[in-house]
Amino acid sequence: MSKKIAVIGECMIELSEKGAAVNRGFGGDTLNTSVYIARQTDASALGVHYVTALGTDTFSQADARILAARERSD
């Protein structure tokens, strides 16, 4: 039987301006912690889940798609 861990917190949207372009990224201590735990453990022995609330705005929906794609690829 595998164990599970849930990391609960908020995902921070990071906007940075470079010339005329605005770059968007996301992170935050709880999101980064869940990623680091997942990368350092055996996926068959420990399931890592990130629990957060997301809005219905464009940024939140884009971040949800990125997180879902990363989960499937990792």
C-alpha atoms as a PDB file:
ATOM      1  CA  MET A   1       0.000   0.000   0.000  1.00  0.00           C
ATOM      2  CA  SER A   2       1.385   3.414  -0.912  1.00  0.00           C
ATOM      3  CA  LYS A   3       1.344   6.371   1.434  1.00  0.00           C
ATOM      4  CA  LYS A   4      -0.026   9.765   0.453  1.00  0.00           C
ATOM      5  CA  ILE A   5       0.967  13.285   1.366  1.00  0.00           C
ATOM      6  CA  ALA A   6      -1.049  16.441   0.707  1.00  0.00           C
ATOM      7  CA  VAL A   7       0.555  19.866   0.646  1.00  0.00           C
ATOM      8  CA  ILE A   8      -2.026  22.619   1.208  1.00  0.00           C
ATOM      9  CA  GLY A   9      -1.503  26.262   0.311  1.00  0.00           C
ATOM     10  CA  GLU A  10      -1.728  28.955  -2.308  1.00  0.00           C
ATOM     11  CA  CYS A  11       0.002  29.136  -5.651  1.00  0.00           C
ATOM     12  CA  MET A  12       1.509  32.558  -6.295  1.00  0.00           C
ATOM     13  CA  ILE A  13       1.351  34.148  -9.746  1.00  0.00           C
ATOM     14  CA  GLU A  14       4.555  35.985 -10.596  1.00  0.00           C
ATOM     15  CA  LEU A  15       4.425  38.675 -13.287  1.00  0.00           C
ATOM     16  CA  SER A  16       7.614  40.278 -14.586  1.00  0.00           C
ATOM     17  CA  GLU A  17       8.032  42.895 -17.254  1.00  0.00           C
ATOM     18  CA  LYS A  18      10.813  42.557 -19.797  1.00  0.00           C
ATOM     19  CA  GLY A  19      10.688  45.346 -22.342  1.00  0.00           C
ATOM     20  CA  ALA A  20       7.219  45.357 -23.877  1.00  0.00           C
ATOM     21  CA  ALA A  21       6.508  41.758 -22.822  1.00  0.00           C
ATOM     22  CA  VAL A  22       5.043  40.559 -19.541  1.00  0.00           C
ATOM     23  CA  ASN A  23       6.170  37.101 -18.454  1.00  0.00           C
ATOM     24  CA  ARG A  24       4.029  34.968 -16.155  1.00  0.00           C
ATOM     25  CA  GLY A  25       5.301  32.296 -13.847  1.00  0.00           C
ATOM     26  CA  PHE A  26       4.039  30.707 -10.691  1.00  0.00           C
ATOM     27  CA  GLY A  27       5.449  29.230  -7.544  1.00  0.00           C
ATOM     28  CA  GLY A  28       5.345  29.753  -3.811  1.00  0.00           C
ATOM     29  CA  ASP A  29       6.624  27.814  -0.844  1.00  0.00           C
ATOM     30  CA  THR A  30       3.855  25.199  -0.711  1.00  0.00           C
ATOM     31  CA  LEU A  31       3.843  24.537  -4.451  1.00  0.00           C
ATOM     32  CA  ASN A  32       7.626  24.290  -4.534  1.00  0.00           C
ATOM     33  CA  THR A  33       7.587  21.953  -1.518  1.00  0.00           C
ATOM     34  CA  SER A  34       5.147  19.573  -3.215  1.00  0.00           C
ATOM     35  CA  VAL A  35       7.279  19.533  -6.377  1.00  0.00           C
ATOM     36  CA  TYR A  36      10.492  18.894  -4.418  1.00  0.00           C
ATOM     37  CA  ILE A  37       8.913  16.052  -2.413  1.00  0.00           C
ATOM     38  CA  ALA A  38       7.573  14.432  -5.589  1.00  0.00           C
ATOM     39  CA  ARG A  39      10.956  14.660  -7.292  1.00  0.00           C
ATOM     40  CA  GLN A  40      12.838  13.169  -4.333  1.00  0.00           C
ATOM     41  CA  THR A  41      10.568  10.205  -3.606  1.00  0.00           C
ATOM     42  CA  ASP A  42       9.537   6.994  -5.300  1.00  0.00           C
ATOM     43  CA  ALA A  43       6.150   7.687  -6.907  1.00  0.00           C
ATOM     44  CA  SER A  44       4.981   4.127  -6.252  1.00  0.00           C
ATOM     45  CA  ALA A  45       5.715   4.463  -2.521  1.00  0.00           C
ATOM     46  CA  LEU A  46       4.441   8.004  -1.882  1.00  0.00           C
ATOM     47  CA  GLY A  47       1.667   9.864  -3.691  1.00  0.00           C
ATOM     48  CA  VAL A  48       2.139  13.635  -3.490  1.00  0.00           C
ATOM     49  CA  HIS A  49      -0.897  15.880  -3.953  1.00  0.00           C
ATOM     50  CA  TYR A  50      -1.092  19.680  -4.074  1.00  0.00           C
ATOM     51  CA  VAL A  51      -4.304  21.152  -2.663  1.00  0.00           C
ATOM     52  CA  THR A  52      -5.189  24.753  -3.488  1.00  0.00           C
ATOM     53  CA  ALA A  53      -8.076  26.950  -4.549  1.00  0.00           C
ATOM     54  CA  LEU A  54      -8.070  28.557  -7.982  1.00  0.00           C
ATOM     55  CA  GLY A  55     -10.188  31.345  -9.376  1.00  0.00           C
ATOM     56  CA  THR A  56     -12.026  31.508 -12.680  1.00  0.00           C
ATOM     57  CA  ASP A  57      -9.790  34.247 -14.100  1.00  0.00           C
ATOM     58  CA  THR A  58      -7.480  33.733 -17.073  1.00  0.00           C
ATOM     59  CA  PHE A  59      -4.323  33.407 -14.960  1.00  0.00           C
ATOM     60  CA  SER A  60      -5.806  30.784 -12.626  1.00  0.00           C
ATOM     61  CA  GLN A  61      -7.173  28.673 -15.463  1.00  0.00           C
ATOM     62  CA  ALA A  62      -3.839  28.764 -17.312  1.00  0.00           C
ATOM     63  CA  ASP A  63      -2.022  27.729 -14.146  1.00  0.00           C
ATOM     64  CA  ALA A  64      -4.466  24.841 -13.640  1.00  0.00           C
ATOM     65  CA  ARG A  65      -3.716  23.584 -17.166  1.00  0.00           C
ATOM     66  CA  ILE A  66       0.048  23.847 -16.594  1.00  0.00           C
ATOM     67  CA  LEU A  67      -0.139  22.012 -13.255  1.00  0.00           C
ATOM     68  CA  ALA A  68      -2.300  19.244 -14.747  1.00  0.00           C
ATOM     69  CA  ALA A  69       0.094  18.800 -17.683  1.00  0.00           C
ATOM     70  CA  ARG A  70       3.098  18.628 -15.362  1.00  0.00           C
ATOM     71  CA  GLU A  71       1.436  16.017 -13.169  1.00  0.00           C
ATOM     72  CA  ARG A  72       0.847  13.765 -16.155  1.00  0.00           C
ATOM     73  CA  SER A  73       4.411  14.185 -17.410  1.00  0.00           C
ATOM     74  CA  ASP A  74       6.247  13.662 -14.088  1.00  0.00           C
END
